[in-house]
Amino acid sequence: MNSSRLSNKKVDGIGCGRVAVPRLEIEHLSLEKLIERAITQEHRDVLQKLDEKNFSIESITSTAREGFHVTLNVTLKGEVDPREISQILNDLAPKWKAMSKKKKRAEVKS
């Protein structure tokens, strides 16, 4: 069964969203491969915005509950005001909502 598994991300303890990902595509991946995938696919938007705002990543770790979710925990270097992270999420929210609606419309058509 290739059900979806949630891929979550947290930046400095702030939840930054989750995406449904086919379970068989990510459950076997090493941390390095999960990070590569996050950067190029599911969590690209947030990670790009962090880079644009000159935040430096100190570390990325992952936690998982087999068959349910994988969470990437991103820790930033230095003191980061949580409001700055929230602003990034607010800036991205309209794009994510539009993408979600587009995906739902495509699912209804098929």
PDB file of N, CA and C in Angstrom:
ATOM      1  N   MET A   1       0.851  -1.177   0.000  1.00  0.00           N
ATOM      2  CA  MET A   1       0.000   0.000   0.000  1.00  0.00           C
ATOM      3  C   MET A   1       0.895   1.237   0.000  1.00  0.00           C
ATOM      4  N   ASN A   2       0.659   2.120  -0.916  1.00  0.00           N
ATOM      5  CA  ASN A   2       1.475   3.321  -1.047  1.00  0.00           C
ATOM      6  C   ASN A   2       0.699   4.539  -0.557  1.00  0.00           C
ATOM      7  N   SER A   3       0.268   4.485   0.689  1.00  0.00           N
ATOM      8  CA  SER A   3      -0.507   5.602   1.230  1.00  0.00           C
ATOM      9  C   SER A   3       0.395   6.797   1.488  1.00  0.00           C
ATOM     10  N   SER A   4      -0.237   7.929   1.673  1.00  0.00           N
ATOM     11  CA  SER A   4       0.528   9.141   1.935  1.00  0.00           C
ATOM     12  C   SER A   4       1.038   9.161   3.360  1.00  0.00           C
ATOM     13  N   ARG A   5       2.174   9.745   3.506  1.00  0.00           N
ATOM     14  CA  ARG A   5       2.777   9.957   4.807  1.00  0.00           C
ATOM     15  C   ARG A   5       3.009  11.449   4.890  1.00  0.00           C
ATOM     16  N   LEU A   6       2.839  12.006   6.050  1.00  0.00           N
ATOM     17  CA  LEU A   6       3.022  13.445   6.166  1.00  0.00           C
ATOM     18  C   LEU A   6       4.479  13.790   6.368  1.00  0.00           C
ATOM     19  N   SER A   7       4.924  14.754   5.643  1.00  0.00           N
ATOM     20  CA  SER A   7       6.258  15.300   5.814  1.00  0.00           C
ATOM     21  C   SER A   7       6.081  16.681   6.429  1.00  0.00           C
ATOM     22  N   ASN A   8       6.510  16.821   7.672  1.00  0.00           N
ATOM     23  CA  ASN A   8       6.382  18.077   8.411  1.00  0.00           C
ATOM     24  C   ASN A   8       7.726  18.781   8.458  1.00  0.00           C
ATOM     25  N   LYS A   9       7.661  20.054   8.801  1.00  0.00           N
ATOM     26  CA  LYS A   9       8.912  20.759   9.042  1.00  0.00           C
ATOM     27  C   LYS A   9       8.692  21.755  10.159  1.00  0.00           C
ATOM     28  N   LYS A  10       9.713  21.861  11.013  1.00  0.00           N
ATOM     29  CA  LYS A  10       9.714  22.847  12.086  1.00  0.00           C
ATOM     30  C   LYS A  10      10.991  23.656  11.968  1.00  0.00           C
ATOM     31  N   VAL A  11      10.865  24.967  12.119  1.00  0.00           N
ATOM     32  CA  VAL A  11      12.025  25.849  12.124  1.00  0.00           C
ATOM     33  C   VAL A  11      12.076  26.501  13.489  1.00  0.00           C
ATOM     34  N   ASP A  12      13.153  26.253  14.194  1.00  0.00           N
ATOM     35  CA  ASP A  12      13.317  26.764  15.562  1.00  0.00           C
ATOM     36  C   ASP A  12      12.067  26.505  16.404  1.00  0.00           C
ATOM     37  N   GLY A  13      11.515  25.297  16.260  1.00  0.00           N
ATOM     38  CA  GLY A  13      10.366  24.884  17.061  1.00  0.00           C
ATOM     39  C   GLY A  13       9.021  25.363  16.561  1.00  0.00           C
ATOM     40  N   ILE A  14       8.996  26.124  15.476  1.00  0.00           N
ATOM     41  CA  ILE A  14       7.741  26.636  14.923  1.00  0.00           C
ATOM     42  C   ILE A  14       7.308  25.721  13.782  1.00  0.00           C
ATOM     43  N   GLY A  15       6.109  25.177  13.875  1.00  0.00           N
ATOM     44  CA  GLY A  15       5.587  24.325  12.815  1.00  0.00           C
ATOM     45  C   GLY A  15       5.416  25.121  11.536  1.00  0.00           C
ATOM     46  N   CYS A  16       5.952  24.601  10.444  1.00  0.00           N
ATOM     47  CA  CYS A  16       5.915  25.331   9.173  1.00  0.00           C
ATOM     48  C   CYS A  16       5.119  24.596   8.101  1.00  0.00           C
ATOM     49  N   GLY A  17       4.252  23.717   8.502  1.00  0.00           N
ATOM     50  CA  GLY A  17       3.392  23.055   7.528  1.00  0.00           C
ATOM     51  C   GLY A  17       3.763  21.610   7.284  1.00  0.00           C
ATOM     52  N   ARG A  18       2.830  20.945   6.628  1.00  0.00           N
ATOM     53  CA  ARG A  18       3.046  19.544   6.299  1.00  0.00           C
ATOM     54  C   ARG A  18       2.497  19.291   4.909  1.00  0.00           C
ATOM     55  N   VAL A  19       3.057  18.293   4.277  1.00  0.00           N
ATOM     56  CA  VAL A  19       2.656  17.932   2.935  1.00  0.00           C
ATOM     57  C   VAL A  19       2.456  16.429   2.871  1.00  0.00           C
ATOM     58  N   ALA A  20       1.454  16.002   2.123  1.00  0.00           N
ATOM     59  CA  ALA A  20       1.251  14.570   1.920  1.00  0.00           C
ATOM     60  C   ALA A  20       2.265  14.091   0.888  1.00  0.00           C
ATOM     61  N   VAL A  21       2.998  13.047   1.246  1.00  0.00           N
ATOM     62  CA  VAL A  21       4.032  12.491   0.383  1.00  0.00           C
ATOM     63  C   VAL A  21       3.811  10.984   0.321  1.00  0.00           C
ATOM     64  N   PRO A  22       3.927  10.361  -0.867  1.00  0.00           N
ATOM     65  CA  PRO A  22       3.781   8.908  -0.923  1.00  0.00           C
ATOM     66  C   PRO A  22       4.771   8.230   0.029  1.00  0.00           C
ATOM     67  N   ARG A  23       4.227   7.443   0.925  1.00  0.00           N
ATOM     68  CA  ARG A  23       5.001   6.823   2.005  1.00  0.00           C
ATOM     69  C   ARG A  23       6.218   6.066   1.485  1.00  0.00           C
ATOM     70  N   LEU A  24       6.031   5.278   0.440  1.00  0.00           N
ATOM     71  CA  LEU A  24       7.131   4.455  -0.054  1.00  0.00           C
ATOM     72  C   LEU A  24       8.274   5.280  -0.641  1.00  0.00           C
ATOM     73  N   GLU A  25       8.008   6.522  -0.963  1.00  0.00           N
ATOM     74  CA  GLU A  25       9.056   7.376  -1.523  1.00  0.00           C
ATOM     75  C   GLU A  25       9.991   7.952  -0.468  1.00  0.00           C
ATOM     76  N   ILE A  26       9.549   8.051   0.780  1.00  0.00           N
ATOM     77  CA  ILE A  26      10.404   8.720   1.762  1.00  0.00           C
ATOM     78  C   ILE A  26      10.794   7.881   2.969  1.00  0.00           C
ATOM     79  N   GLU A  27      10.041   6.822   3.278  1.00  0.00           N
ATOM     80  CA  GLU A  27      10.300   6.142   4.545  1.00  0.00           C
ATOM     81  C   GLU A  27      11.663   5.468   4.613  1.00  0.00           C
ATOM     82  N   HIS A  28      12.245   5.136   3.488  1.00  0.00           N
ATOM     83  CA  HIS A  28      13.544   4.459   3.472  1.00  0.00           C
ATOM     84  C   HIS A  28      14.728   5.421   3.314  1.00  0.00           C
ATOM     85  N   LEU A  29      14.467   6.696   3.112  1.00  0.00           N
ATOM     86  CA  LEU A  29      15.540   7.646   2.810  1.00  0.00           C
ATOM     87  C   LEU A  29      16.399   7.975   4.030  1.00  0.00           C
ATOM     88  N   SER A  30      17.679   8.164   3.775  1.00  0.00           N
ATOM     89  CA  SER A  30      18.593   8.629   4.821  1.00  0.00           C
ATOM     90  C   SER A  30      18.288  10.097   5.108  1.00  0.00           C
ATOM     91  N   LEU A  31      18.831  10.607   6.204  1.00  0.00           N
ATOM     92  CA  LEU A  31      18.631  12.018   6.540  1.00  0.00           C
ATOM     93  C   LEU A  31      19.123  12.914   5.406  1.00  0.00           C
ATOM     94  N   GLU A  32      20.264  12.578   4.825  1.00  0.00           N
ATOM     95  CA  GLU A  32      20.813  13.398   3.741  1.00  0.00           C
ATOM     96  C   GLU A  32      19.851  13.458   2.555  1.00  0.00           C
ATOM     97  N   LYS A  33      19.272  12.318   2.201  1.00  0.00           N
ATOM     98  CA  LYS A  33      18.341  12.268   1.070  1.00  0.00           C
ATOM     99  C   LYS A  33      17.033  12.989   1.402  1.00  0.00           C
ATOM    100  N   LEU A  34      16.580  12.878   2.660  1.00  0.00           N
ATOM    101  CA  LEU A  34      15.384  13.621   3.075  1.00  0.00           C
ATOM    102  C   LEU A  34      15.610  15.123   2.946  1.00  0.00           C
ATOM    103  N   ILE A  35      16.795  15.566   3.367  1.00  0.00           N
ATOM    104  CA  ILE A  35      17.126  16.991   3.280  1.00  0.00           C
ATOM    105  C   ILE A  35      17.176  17.432   1.817  1.00  0.00           C
ATOM    106  N   GLU A  36      17.826  16.637   0.968  1.00  0.00           N
ATOM    107  CA  GLU A  36      17.897  16.968  -0.462  1.00  0.00           C
ATOM    108  C   GLU A  36      16.500  17.104  -1.051  1.00  0.00           C
ATOM    109  N   ARG A  37      15.639  16.146  -0.697  1.00  0.00           N
ATOM    110  CA  ARG A  37      14.270  16.177  -1.218  1.00  0.00           C
ATOM    111  C   ARG A  37      13.514  17.402  -0.696  1.00  0.00           C
ATOM    112  N   ALA A  38      13.672  17.704   0.575  1.00  0.00           N
ATOM    113  CA  ALA A  38      12.996  18.870   1.159  1.00  0.00           C
ATOM    114  C   ALA A  38      13.425  20.151   0.450  1.00  0.00           C
ATOM    115  N   ILE A  39      14.713  20.265   0.159  1.00  0.00           N
ATOM    116  CA  ILE A  39      15.254  21.462  -0.489  1.00  0.00           C
ATOM    117  C   ILE A  39      14.742  21.604  -1.920  1.00  0.00           C
ATOM    118  N   THR A  40      14.590  20.488  -2.621  1.00  0.00           N
ATOM    119  CA  THR A  40      14.211  20.550  -4.031  1.00  0.00           C
ATOM    120  C   THR A  40      12.722  20.352  -4.286  1.00  0.00           C
ATOM    121  N   GLN A  41      11.994  19.829  -3.280  1.00  0.00           N
ATOM    122  CA  GLN A  41      10.585  19.522  -3.537  1.00  0.00           C
ATOM    123  C   GLN A  41       9.662  20.098  -2.466  1.00  0.00           C
ATOM    124  N   GLU A  42       9.240  19.267  -1.549  1.00  0.00           N
ATOM    125  CA  GLU A  42       8.141  19.597  -0.646  1.00  0.00           C
ATOM    126  C   GLU A  42       8.317  20.856   0.194  1.00  0.00           C
ATOM    127  N   HIS A  43       9.500  21.136   0.672  1.00  0.00           N
ATOM    128  CA  HIS A  43       9.696  22.274   1.576  1.00  0.00           C
ATOM    129  C   HIS A  43      10.596  23.353   0.977  1.00  0.00           C
ATOM    130  N   ARG A  44      10.698  23.325  -0.328  1.00  0.00           N
ATOM    131  CA  ARG A  44      11.557  24.252  -1.070  1.00  0.00           C
ATOM    132  C   ARG A  44      11.227  25.714  -0.754  1.00  0.00           C
ATOM    133  N   ASP A  45       9.934  26.059  -0.733  1.00  0.00           N
ATOM    134  CA  ASP A  45       9.527  27.458  -0.543  1.00  0.00           C
ATOM    135  C   ASP A  45      10.052  28.049   0.758  1.00  0.00           C
ATOM    136  N   VAL A  46       9.832  27.341   1.852  1.00  0.00           N
ATOM    137  CA  VAL A  46      10.257  27.862   3.159  1.00  0.00           C
ATOM    138  C   VAL A  46      11.774  27.952   3.228  1.00  0.00           C
ATOM    139  N   LEU A  47      12.447  26.917   2.771  1.00  0.00           N
ATOM    140  CA  LEU A  47      13.911  26.915   2.852  1.00  0.00           C
ATOM    141  C   LEU A  47      14.514  28.011   1.974  1.00  0.00           C
ATOM    142  N   GLN A  48      13.918  28.268   0.813  1.00  0.00           N
ATOM    143  CA  GLN A  48      14.398  29.359  -0.043  1.00  0.00           C
ATOM    144  C   GLN A  48      14.193  30.714   0.628  1.00  0.00           C
ATOM    145  N   LYS A  49      13.037  30.900   1.259  1.00  0.00           N
ATOM    146  CA  LYS A  49      12.765  32.168   1.947  1.00  0.00           C
ATOM    147  C   LYS A  49      13.739  32.390   3.099  1.00  0.00           C
ATOM    148  N   LEU A  50      14.053  31.330   3.834  1.00  0.00           N
ATOM    149  CA  LEU A  50      15.033  31.457   4.920  1.00  0.00           C
ATOM    150  C   LEU A  50      16.370  31.926   4.361  1.00  0.00           C
ATOM    151  N   ASP A  51      16.758  31.347   3.226  1.00  0.00           N
ATOM    152  CA  ASP A  51      18.018  31.726   2.587  1.00  0.00           C
ATOM    153  C   ASP A  51      17.964  33.177   2.098  1.00  0.00           C
ATOM    154  N   GLU A  52      16.848  33.563   1.479  1.00  0.00           N
ATOM    155  CA  GLU A  52      16.692  34.940   0.998  1.00  0.00           C
ATOM    156  C   GLU A  52      16.799  35.957   2.135  1.00  0.00           C
ATOM    157  N   LYS A  53      16.327  35.580   3.314  1.00  0.00           N
ATOM    158  CA  LYS A  53      16.358  36.470   4.481  1.00  0.00           C
ATOM    159  C   LYS A  53      17.676  36.355   5.250  1.00  0.00           C
ATOM    160  N   ASN A  54      18.639  35.634   4.656  1.00  0.00           N
ATOM    161  CA  ASN A  54      19.986  35.463   5.212  1.00  0.00           C
ATOM    162  C   ASN A  54      20.031  34.717   6.542  1.00  0.00           C
ATOM    163  N   PHE A  55      19.072  33.815   6.762  1.00  0.00           N
ATOM    164  CA  PHE A  55      19.153  32.946   7.929  1.00  0.00           C
ATOM    165  C   PHE A  55      20.121  31.821   7.604  1.00  0.00           C
ATOM    166  N   SER A  56      20.917  31.427   8.583  1.00  0.00           N
ATOM    167  CA  SER A  56      21.852  30.319   8.405  1.00  0.00           C
ATOM    168  C   SER A  56      21.345  29.119   9.185  1.00  0.00           C
ATOM    169  N   ILE A  57      21.324  27.984   8.516  1.00  0.00           N
ATOM    170  CA  ILE A  57      20.885  26.752   9.166  1.00  0.00           C
ATOM    171  C   ILE A  57      22.034  26.190   9.982  1.00  0.00           C
ATOM    172  N   GLU A  58      21.771  25.959  11.251  1.00  0.00           N
ATOM    173  CA  GLU A  58      22.756  25.338  12.139  1.00  0.00           C
ATOM    174  C   GLU A  58      22.705  23.826  12.011  1.00  0.00           C
ATOM    175  N   SER A  59      21.492  23.262  12.005  1.00  0.00           N
ATOM    176  CA  SER A  59      21.358  21.812  11.889  1.00  0.00           C
ATOM    177  C   SER A  59      19.968  21.445  11.395  1.00  0.00           C
ATOM    178  N   ILE A  60      19.889  20.249  10.817  1.00  0.00           N
ATOM    179  CA  ILE A  60      18.609  19.658  10.441  1.00  0.00           C
ATOM    180  C   ILE A  60      18.624  18.229  10.957  1.00  0.00           C
ATOM    181  N   THR A  61      17.608  17.889  11.724  1.00  0.00           N
ATOM    182  CA  THR A  61      17.442  16.519  12.208  1.00  0.00           C
ATOM    183  C   THR A  61      16.059  16.051  11.772  1.00  0.00           C
ATOM    184  N   SER A  62      15.822  14.761  11.928  1.00  0.00           N
ATOM    185  CA  SER A  62      14.492  14.259  11.589  1.00  0.00           C
ATOM    186  C   SER A  62      13.990  13.336  12.682  1.00  0.00           C
ATOM    187  N   THR A  63      12.687  13.303  12.820  1.00  0.00           N
ATOM    188  CA  THR A  63      12.017  12.345  13.685  1.00  0.00           C
ATOM    189  C   THR A  63      10.920  11.714  12.841  1.00  0.00           C
ATOM    190  N   ALA A  64      10.553  10.493  13.169  1.00  0.00           N
ATOM    191  CA  ALA A  64       9.534   9.804  12.379  1.00  0.00           C
ATOM    192  C   ALA A  64       8.707   8.889  13.263  1.00  0.00           C
ATOM    193  N   ARG A  65       7.475   8.726  12.867  1.00  0.00           N
ATOM    194  CA  ARG A  65       6.605   7.716  13.451  1.00  0.00           C
ATOM    195  C   ARG A  65       6.237   6.806  12.292  1.00  0.00           C
ATOM    196  N   GLU A  66       6.779   5.617  12.292  1.00  0.00           N
ATOM    197  CA  GLU A  66       6.658   4.686  11.175  1.00  0.00           C
ATOM    198  C   GLU A  66       5.226   4.606  10.655  1.00  0.00           C
ATOM    199  N   GLY A  67       5.077   4.837   9.353  1.00  0.00           N
ATOM    200  CA  GLY A  67       3.780   4.770   8.714  1.00  0.00           C
ATOM    201  C   GLY A  67       2.920   6.006   8.872  1.00  0.00           C
ATOM    202  N   PHE A  68       3.378   6.995   9.630  1.00  0.00           N
ATOM    203  CA  PHE A  68       2.561   8.176   9.878  1.00  0.00           C
ATOM    204  C   PHE A  68       3.197   9.475   9.402  1.00  0.00           C
ATOM    205  N   HIS A  69       4.400   9.780   9.868  1.00  0.00           N
ATOM    206  CA  HIS A  69       4.972  11.071   9.505  1.00  0.00           C
ATOM    207  C   HIS A  69       6.484  11.066   9.647  1.00  0.00           C
ATOM    208  N   VAL A  70       7.081  12.016   8.959  1.00  0.00           N
ATOM    209  CA  VAL A  70       8.494  12.358   9.118  1.00  0.00           C
ATOM    210  C   VAL A  70       8.512  13.857   9.377  1.00  0.00           C
ATOM    211  N   THR A  71       9.247  14.278  10.387  1.00  0.00           N
ATOM    212  CA  THR A  71       9.365  15.704  10.674  1.00  0.00           C
ATOM    213  C   THR A  71      10.820  16.111  10.550  1.00  0.00           C
ATOM    214  N   LEU A  72      11.076  17.137   9.763  1.00  0.00           N
ATOM    215  CA  LEU A  72      12.412  17.721   9.690  1.00  0.00           C
ATOM    216  C   LEU A  72      12.450  18.884  10.666  1.00  0.00           C
ATOM    217  N   ASN A  73      13.423  18.862  11.554  1.00  0.00           N
ATOM    218  CA  ASN A  73      13.597  19.911  12.555  1.00  0.00           C
ATOM    219  C   ASN A  73      14.786  20.770  12.147  1.00  0.00           C
ATOM    220  N   VAL A  74      14.515  22.000  11.772  1.00  0.00           N
ATOM    221  CA  VAL A  74      15.548  22.919  11.302  1.00  0.00           C
ATOM    222  C   VAL A  74      15.878  23.888  12.432  1.00  0.00           C
ATOM    223  N   THR A  75      17.150  23.933  12.807  1.00  0.00           N
ATOM    224  CA  THR A  75      17.608  24.878  13.823  1.00  0.00           C
ATOM    225  C   THR A  75      18.457  25.937  13.126  1.00  0.00           C
ATOM    226  N   LEU A  76      18.128  27.184  13.387  1.00  0.00           N
ATOM    227  CA  LEU A  76      18.860  28.291  12.772  1.00  0.00           C
ATOM    228  C   LEU A  76      19.943  28.806  13.708  1.00  0.00           C
ATOM    229  N   LYS A  77      20.999  29.355  13.117  1.00  0.00           N
ATOM    230  CA  LYS A  77      22.085  29.944  13.906  1.00  0.00           C
ATOM    231  C   LYS A  77      21.650  31.290  14.464  1.00  0.00           C
ATOM    232  N   GLY A  78      22.126  31.579  15.662  1.00  0.00           N
ATOM    233  CA  GLY A  78      21.891  32.894  16.256  1.00  0.00           C
ATOM    234  C   GLY A  78      20.498  33.055  16.825  1.00  0.00           C
ATOM    235  N   GLU A  79      20.239  34.286  17.252  1.00  0.00           N
ATOM    236  CA  GLU A  79      18.932  34.631  17.814  1.00  0.00           C
ATOM    237  C   GLU A  79      17.974  34.959  16.669  1.00  0.00           C
ATOM    238  N   VAL A  80      16.859  34.275  16.634  1.00  0.00           N
ATOM    239  CA  VAL A  80      15.871  34.500  15.588  1.00  0.00           C
ATOM    240  C   VAL A  80      14.548  34.856  16.251  1.00  0.00           C
ATOM    241  N   ASP A  81      13.990  35.970  15.842  1.00  0.00           N
ATOM    242  CA  ASP A  81      12.688  36.393  16.351  1.00  0.00           C
ATOM    243  C   ASP A  81      11.624  35.494  15.716  1.00  0.00           C
ATOM    244  N   PRO A  82      10.831  34.792  16.513  1.00  0.00           N
ATOM    245  CA  PRO A  82       9.788  33.917  15.961  1.00  0.00           C
ATOM    246  C   PRO A  82       8.827  34.652  15.027  1.00  0.00           C
ATOM    247  N   ARG A  83       8.683  35.954  15.225  1.00  0.00           N
ATOM    248  CA  ARG A  83       7.810  36.731  14.336  1.00  0.00           C
ATOM    249  C   ARG A  83       8.347  36.758  12.906  1.00  0.00           C
ATOM    250  N   GLU A  84       9.679  36.674  12.762  1.00  0.00           N
ATOM    251  CA  GLU A  84      10.250  36.650  11.413  1.00  0.00           C
ATOM    252  C   GLU A  84       9.871  35.359  10.691  1.00  0.00           C
ATOM    253  N   ILE A  85       9.897  34.245  11.413  1.00  0.00           N
ATOM    254  CA  ILE A  85       9.498  32.959  10.831  1.00  0.00           C
ATOM    255  C   ILE A  85       8.006  33.013  10.496  1.00  0.00           C
ATOM    256  N   SER A  86       7.208  33.531  11.414  1.00  0.00           N
ATOM    257  CA  SER A  86       5.765  33.652  11.176  1.00  0.00           C
ATOM    258  C   SER A  86       5.476  34.512   9.953  1.00  0.00           C
ATOM    259  N   GLN A  87       6.247  35.572   9.757  1.00  0.00           N
ATOM    260  CA  GLN A  87       6.047  36.442   8.596  1.00  0.00           C
ATOM    261  C   GLN A  87       6.335  35.690   7.302  1.00  0.00           C
ATOM    262  N   ILE A  88       7.376  34.880   7.293  1.00  0.00           N
ATOM    263  CA  ILE A  88       7.681  34.065   6.111  1.00  0.00           C
ATOM    264  C   ILE A  88       6.499  33.155   5.804  1.00  0.00           C
ATOM    265  N   LEU A  89       5.963  32.502   6.828  1.00  0.00           N
ATOM    266  CA  LEU A  89       4.822  31.603   6.631  1.00  0.00           C
ATOM    267  C   LEU A  89       3.601  32.359   6.122  1.00  0.00           C
ATOM    268  N   ASN A  90       3.360  33.540   6.682  1.00  0.00           N
ATOM    269  CA  ASN A  90       2.234  34.365   6.227  1.00  0.00           C
ATOM    270  C   ASN A  90       2.402  34.782   4.769  1.00  0.00           C
ATOM    271  N   ASP A  91       3.637  35.104   4.384  1.00  0.00           N
ATOM    272  CA  ASP A  91       3.902  35.495   3.003  1.00  0.00           C
ATOM    273  C   ASP A  91       3.651  34.340   2.035  1.00  0.00           C
ATOM    274  N   LEU A  92       3.942  33.113   2.472  1.00  0.00           N
ATOM    275  CA  LEU A  92       3.786  31.940   1.612  1.00  0.00           C
ATOM    276  C   LEU A  92       2.369  31.367   1.620  1.00  0.00           C
ATOM    277  N   ALA A  93       1.575  31.694   2.611  1.00  0.00           N
ATOM    278  CA  ALA A  93       0.242  31.095   2.772  1.00  0.00           C
ATOM    279  C   ALA A  93      -0.647  31.226   1.526  1.00  0.00           C
ATOM    280  N   PRO A  94      -0.738  32.391   0.890  1.00  0.00           N
ATOM    281  CA  PRO A  94      -1.601  32.481  -0.302  1.00  0.00           C
ATOM    282  C   PRO A  94      -1.164  31.527  -1.418  1.00  0.00           C
ATOM    283  N   LYS A  95       0.124  31.391  -1.609  1.00  0.00           N
ATOM    284  CA  LYS A  95       0.640  30.481  -2.638  1.00  0.00           C
ATOM    285  C   LYS A  95       0.258  29.046  -2.305  1.00  0.00           C
ATOM    286  N   TRP A  96       0.433  28.646  -1.033  1.00  0.00           N
ATOM    287  CA  TRP A  96       0.109  27.285  -0.615  1.00  0.00           C
ATOM    288  C   TRP A  96      -1.378  27.004  -0.759  1.00  0.00           C
ATOM    289  N   LYS A  97      -2.216  27.972  -0.410  1.00  0.00           N
ATOM    290  CA  LYS A  97      -3.668  27.786  -0.536  1.00  0.00           C
ATOM    291  C   LYS A  97      -4.053  27.607  -1.996  1.00  0.00           C
ATOM    292  N   ALA A  98      -3.470  28.398  -2.871  1.00  0.00           N
ATOM    293  CA  ALA A  98      -3.765  28.288  -4.298  1.00  0.00           C
ATOM    294  C   ALA A  98      -3.332  26.927  -4.834  1.00  0.00           C
ATOM    295  N   MET A  99      -2.168  26.467  -4.422  1.00  0.00           N
ATOM    296  CA  MET A  99      -1.685  25.160  -4.864  1.00  0.00           C
ATOM    297  C   MET A  99      -2.593  24.045  -4.352  1.00  0.00           C
ATOM    298  N   SER A 100      -3.043  24.161  -3.121  1.00  0.00           N
ATOM    299  CA  SER A 100      -3.925  23.159  -2.530  1.00  0.00           C
ATOM    300  C   SER A 100      -5.252  23.093  -3.284  1.00  0.00           C
ATOM    301  N   LYS A 101      -5.813  24.248  -3.606  1.00  0.00           N
ATOM    302  CA  LYS A 101      -7.068  24.283  -4.361  1.00  0.00           C
ATOM    303  C   LYS A 101      -6.886  23.666  -5.743  1.00  0.00           C
ATOM    304  N   LYS A 102      -5.767  23.973  -6.386  1.00  0.00           N
ATOM    305  CA  LYS A 102      -5.486  23.432  -7.712  1.00  0.00           C
ATOM    306  C   LYS A 102      -5.382  21.913  -7.644  1.00  0.00           C
ATOM    307  N   LYS A 103      -4.719  21.397  -6.620  1.00  0.00           N
ATOM    308  CA  LYS A 103      -4.560  19.956  -6.461  1.00  0.00           C
ATOM    309  C   LYS A 103      -5.916  19.293  -6.216  1.00  0.00           C
ATOM    310  N   LYS A 104      -6.749  19.907  -5.384  1.00  0.00           N
ATOM    311  CA  LYS A 104      -8.074  19.347  -5.102  1.00  0.00           C
ATOM    312  C   LYS A 104      -8.932  19.322  -6.363  1.00  0.00           C
ATOM    313  N   ARG A 105      -8.861  20.372  -7.170  1.00  0.00           N
ATOM    314  CA  ARG A 105      -9.624  20.396  -8.426  1.00  0.00           C
ATOM    315  C   ARG A 105      -9.157  19.284  -9.349  1.00  0.00           C
ATOM    316  N   ALA A 106      -7.857  19.053  -9.412  1.00  0.00           N
ATOM    317  CA  ALA A 106      -7.318  17.995 -10.264  1.00  0.00           C
ATOM    318  C   ALA A 106      -7.780  16.622  -9.783  1.00  0.00           C
ATOM    319  N   GLU A 107      -7.852  16.427  -8.458  1.00  0.00           N
ATOM    320  CA  GLU A 107      -8.300  15.147  -7.909  1.00  0.00           C
ATOM    321  C   GLU A 107      -9.770  14.909  -8.222  1.00  0.00           C
ATOM    322  N   VAL A 108     -10.579  15.953  -8.189  1.00  0.00           N
ATOM    323  CA  VAL A 108     -12.007  15.828  -8.479  1.00  0.00           C
ATOM    324  C   VAL A 108     -12.219  15.440  -9.941  1.00  0.00           C
ATOM    325  N   LYS A 109     -11.412  15.998 -10.836  1.00  0.00           N
ATOM    326  CA  LYS A 109     -11.540  15.712 -12.263  1.00  0.00           C
ATOM    327  C   LYS A 109     -11.144  14.283 -12.602  1.00  0.00           C
ATOM    328  N   SER A 110     -10.232  13.689 -11.838  1.00  0.00           N
ATOM    329  CA  SER A 110      -9.755  12.344 -12.186  1.00  0.00           C
ATOM    330  C   SER A 110     -10.569  11.251 -11.566  1.00  0.00           C
TER     331      SER A 110
END
